[in-house]
């Protein structure tokens, strides 16, 4: 029996294994870099200053508005969950959703007055027809939330920057939009009472 020939690669890792490990390391680094880019520093509430991430712009206080107080920041934090859920739901849709479905999805986050106003509104029929024509789907993601003003006790005006990831017959894209909401502190917690785009 002839002796087995030794290769230069004997005792070395398989090149395929090295390639797989290299790809996994590269993907992990890209994920970490992406997460770092999307992270934005938020100063402590007591400083009263506002910052924004590189991908969004924070709203400036309304002209004449004073710096946010500790009570204002506490109110904003208390309303953050409802505001986030509302804005992401408000900015998400499918081209084939009936108008009543959007109203139903927003119901857990809005007041009776806002819900009634949504039920009466029919001015967006041209917009709905355009979305249907393109087969457009939007998924909203809240990027930034900033206190605009606190006109009175139990009322809060907040500006949200929302990224919409759009898919349609024309491809995919993303856009940022600014939405201002007025919230009222009700017996069931903070609820959205008005929206301005």
Protein backbone atom coordinates (compact mmCIF):
# COMPACT_ATOMS: atom_id res chain seq x y z
CA UNK A 1 0.00 0.00 0.00
CA UNK A 2 1.36 3.36 -1.06
CA UNK A 3 1.87 5.98 1.65
CA UNK A 4 -0.77 8.71 1.80
CA UNK A 5 0.42 11.97 0.28
CA UNK A 6 0.25 14.95 2.55
CA UNK A 7 -1.18 18.18 1.28
CA UNK A 8 0.04 21.62 2.28
CA UNK A 9 -3.44 22.20 3.75
CA UNK A 10 -3.34 19.20 6.11
CA UNK A 11 -3.72 20.43 9.67
CA UNK A 12 -5.13 23.79 8.50
CA UNK A 13 -8.77 24.89 8.70
CA UNK A 14 -10.90 24.25 5.66
CA UNK A 15 -10.99 27.31 3.37
CA UNK A 16 -14.77 27.08 3.10
CA UNK A 17 -15.06 27.33 6.89
CA UNK A 18 -12.81 30.38 6.89
CA UNK A 19 -14.95 32.02 4.21
CA UNK A 20 -18.16 31.37 6.17
CA UNK A 21 -16.63 32.81 9.35
CA UNK A 22 -15.44 35.86 7.41
CA UNK A 23 -18.91 36.49 6.00
CA UNK A 24 -20.51 36.13 9.45
CA UNK A 25 -18.03 38.58 10.98
CA UNK A 26 -18.67 41.09 8.16
CA UNK A 27 -22.47 40.86 8.55
CA UNK A 28 -22.18 41.27 12.33
CA UNK A 29 -20.01 44.38 11.93
CA UNK A 30 -22.51 45.89 9.45
CA UNK A 31 -25.40 45.27 11.84
CA UNK A 32 -23.54 46.89 14.74
CA UNK A 33 -22.53 49.90 12.62
CA UNK A 34 -26.15 50.30 11.46
CA UNK A 35 -27.41 50.16 15.04
CA UNK A 36 -24.86 52.78 16.11
CA UNK A 37 -25.88 55.11 13.28
CA UNK A 38 -29.58 54.84 14.28
CA UNK A 39 -28.85 55.49 17.96
CA UNK A 40 -29.07 59.06 19.08
CA UNK A 41 -27.99 60.58 22.37
CA UNK A 42 -30.75 62.12 24.43
CA UNK A 43 -29.61 64.41 27.26
CA UNK A 44 -31.15 64.12 30.74
CA UNK A 45 -34.60 65.70 30.98
CA UNK A 46 -33.40 68.32 33.45
CA UNK A 47 -31.17 70.00 30.86
CA UNK A 48 -34.15 71.20 28.84
CA UNK A 49 -32.22 70.95 25.58
CA UNK A 50 -33.31 68.99 22.56
CA UNK A 51 -31.20 66.86 20.25
CA UNK A 52 -31.97 64.95 17.13
CA UNK A 53 -30.56 61.91 15.45
CA UNK A 54 -28.71 62.35 12.18
CA UNK A 55 -31.66 60.89 10.30
CA UNK A 56 -34.34 63.16 11.74
CA UNK A 57 -34.89 66.69 12.93
CA UNK A 58 -36.25 67.52 16.37
CA UNK A 59 -39.01 70.04 16.55
CA UNK A 60 -38.11 73.41 17.99
CA UNK A 61 -40.33 74.80 20.69
CA UNK A 62 -43.11 76.99 19.37
CA UNK A 63 -42.27 80.70 19.26
CA UNK A 64 -42.66 82.13 22.73
CA UNK A 65 -42.62 78.72 24.41
CA UNK A 66 -40.41 78.36 27.43
CA UNK A 67 -37.98 75.54 28.09
CA UNK A 68 -39.60 72.28 29.15
CA UNK A 69 -40.00 71.87 32.89
CA UNK A 70 -39.63 68.68 34.85
CA UNK A 71 -43.45 68.36 34.95
CA UNK A 72 -43.59 68.79 31.16
CA UNK A 73 -41.00 66.04 30.69
CA UNK A 74 -42.91 63.74 33.04
CA UNK A 75 -46.10 64.37 31.07
CA UNK A 76 -44.26 63.67 27.81
CA UNK A 77 -42.88 60.39 29.21
CA UNK A 78 -46.34 59.39 30.43
CA UNK A 79 -47.79 60.06 26.97
CA UNK A 80 -44.88 58.54 25.01
CA UNK A 81 -46.36 55.03 24.62
CA UNK A 82 -49.73 56.22 23.33
CA UNK A 83 -48.11 58.86 21.11
CA UNK A 84 -45.68 56.37 19.59
CA UNK A 85 -48.39 53.79 18.93
CA UNK A 86 -50.70 56.44 17.45
CA UNK A 87 -48.10 57.99 15.14
CA UNK A 88 -46.82 54.64 13.86
CA UNK A 89 -50.39 53.41 13.28
CA UNK A 90 -51.43 56.73 11.71
CA UNK A 91 -48.49 56.55 9.27
CA UNK A 92 -49.03 52.88 8.33
CA UNK A 93 -51.56 51.73 5.77
CA UNK A 94 -52.29 49.35 2.90
CA UNK A 95 -53.71 50.48 -0.39
CA UNK A 96 -56.69 48.14 0.00
CA UNK A 97 -57.63 49.17 3.56
CA UNK A 98 -61.13 50.63 3.80
CA UNK A 99 -61.17 54.08 5.48
CA UNK A 100 -63.01 52.67 8.50
CA UNK A 101 -60.13 50.28 9.19
CA UNK A 102 -57.69 53.13 9.85
CA UNK A 103 -60.23 54.68 12.18
CA UNK A 104 -60.60 51.37 14.07
CA UNK A 105 -56.82 50.89 14.35
CA UNK A 106 -56.42 54.38 15.87
CA UNK A 107 -59.34 54.00 18.30
CA UNK A 108 -57.32 52.75 21.30
CA UNK A 109 -55.16 55.91 21.14
CA UNK A 110 -57.61 58.76 20.41
CA UNK A 111 -60.42 60.69 22.05
CA UNK A 112 -64.12 60.37 21.21
CA UNK A 113 -64.01 63.81 19.56
CA UNK A 114 -61.11 62.85 17.27
CA UNK A 115 -62.74 59.50 16.42
CA UNK A 116 -65.99 61.24 15.48
CA UNK A 117 -64.08 63.74 13.30
CA UNK A 118 -62.31 60.88 11.52
CA UNK A 119 -65.64 59.21 10.87
CA UNK A 120 -66.96 62.39 9.23
CA UNK A 121 -63.89 63.15 7.12
CA UNK A 122 -64.09 62.20 3.47
CA UNK A 123 -61.63 64.70 1.99
CA UNK A 124 -58.92 62.09 1.44
CA UNK A 125 -60.77 60.08 -1.22
CA UNK A 126 -58.43 61.32 -3.99
CA UNK A 127 -55.41 60.35 -1.89
CA UNK A 128 -56.89 56.89 -1.20
CA UNK A 129 -57.58 56.41 -4.91
CA UNK A 130 -53.98 57.35 -5.75
CA UNK A 131 -52.63 54.86 -3.17
CA UNK A 132 -54.89 52.13 -4.58
CA UNK A 133 -53.74 52.90 -8.12
CA UNK A 134 -50.08 52.40 -7.07
CA UNK A 135 -50.83 49.48 -4.69
CA UNK A 136 -48.99 51.46 -2.01
CA UNK A 137 -48.20 50.08 1.44
CA UNK A 138 -46.64 52.19 4.21
CA UNK A 139 -45.05 51.15 7.48
CA UNK A 140 -44.47 54.02 9.90
CA UNK A 141 -41.60 54.18 12.41
CA UNK A 142 -41.31 56.94 15.02
CA UNK A 143 -37.82 58.43 14.80
CA UNK A 144 -38.06 61.35 17.23
CA UNK A 145 -40.54 62.84 19.67
CA UNK A 146 -40.31 66.34 21.10
CA UNK A 147 -42.48 68.45 23.35
CA UNK A 148 -43.77 71.52 21.54
CA UNK A 149 -45.85 73.09 24.31
CA UNK A 150 -48.13 72.42 27.23
CA UNK A 151 -50.96 74.91 26.72
CA UNK A 152 -52.73 73.92 29.93
CA UNK A 153 -52.73 71.28 32.63
CA UNK A 154 -53.92 68.01 31.09
CA UNK A 155 -53.01 69.06 27.53
CA UNK A 156 -49.81 68.32 25.66
CA UNK A 157 -48.64 69.32 22.18
CA UNK A 158 -45.98 66.99 20.74
CA UNK A 159 -44.13 66.84 17.44
CA UNK A 160 -43.14 63.45 16.04
CA UNK A 161 -40.79 62.72 13.17
CA UNK A 162 -41.96 59.57 11.42
CA UNK A 163 -40.14 57.55 8.77
CA UNK A 164 -42.49 55.87 6.32
CA UNK A 165 -41.14 52.84 4.47
CA UNK A 166 -43.17 52.76 1.26
CA UNK A 167 -43.66 49.87 -1.13
CA UNK A 168 -45.68 50.19 -4.34
CA UNK A 169 -45.73 49.14 -7.98
CA UNK A 170 -43.00 51.74 -8.47
CA UNK A 171 -40.58 50.11 -6.00
CA UNK A 172 -39.56 50.95 -2.46
CA UNK A 173 -38.62 54.23 -0.81
CA UNK A 174 -38.57 55.99 2.54
CA UNK A 175 -39.67 59.45 3.52
CA UNK A 176 -39.66 61.51 6.71
CA UNK A 177 -42.68 63.48 7.78
CA UNK A 178 -43.40 65.70 10.73
CA UNK A 179 -46.70 65.23 12.55
CA UNK A 180 -47.87 67.39 15.46
CA UNK A 181 -50.40 65.87 17.83
CA UNK A 182 -52.34 67.36 20.73
CA UNK A 183 -53.02 64.97 23.58
CA UNK A 184 -55.49 65.21 26.42
CA UNK A 185 -55.09 63.46 29.76
CA UNK A 186 -58.34 61.49 30.13
CA UNK A 187 -59.62 59.11 32.79
CA UNK A 188 -58.07 56.26 30.73
CA UNK A 189 -54.72 58.02 30.22
CA UNK A 190 -53.31 60.28 27.50
CA UNK A 191 -55.24 60.23 24.22
CA UNK A 192 -54.71 62.04 20.89
CA UNK A 193 -57.30 64.77 20.31
CA UNK A 194 -55.92 66.55 17.22
CA UNK A 195 -53.38 66.00 14.40
CA UNK A 196 -51.58 68.54 12.21
CA UNK A 197 -49.30 67.50 9.35
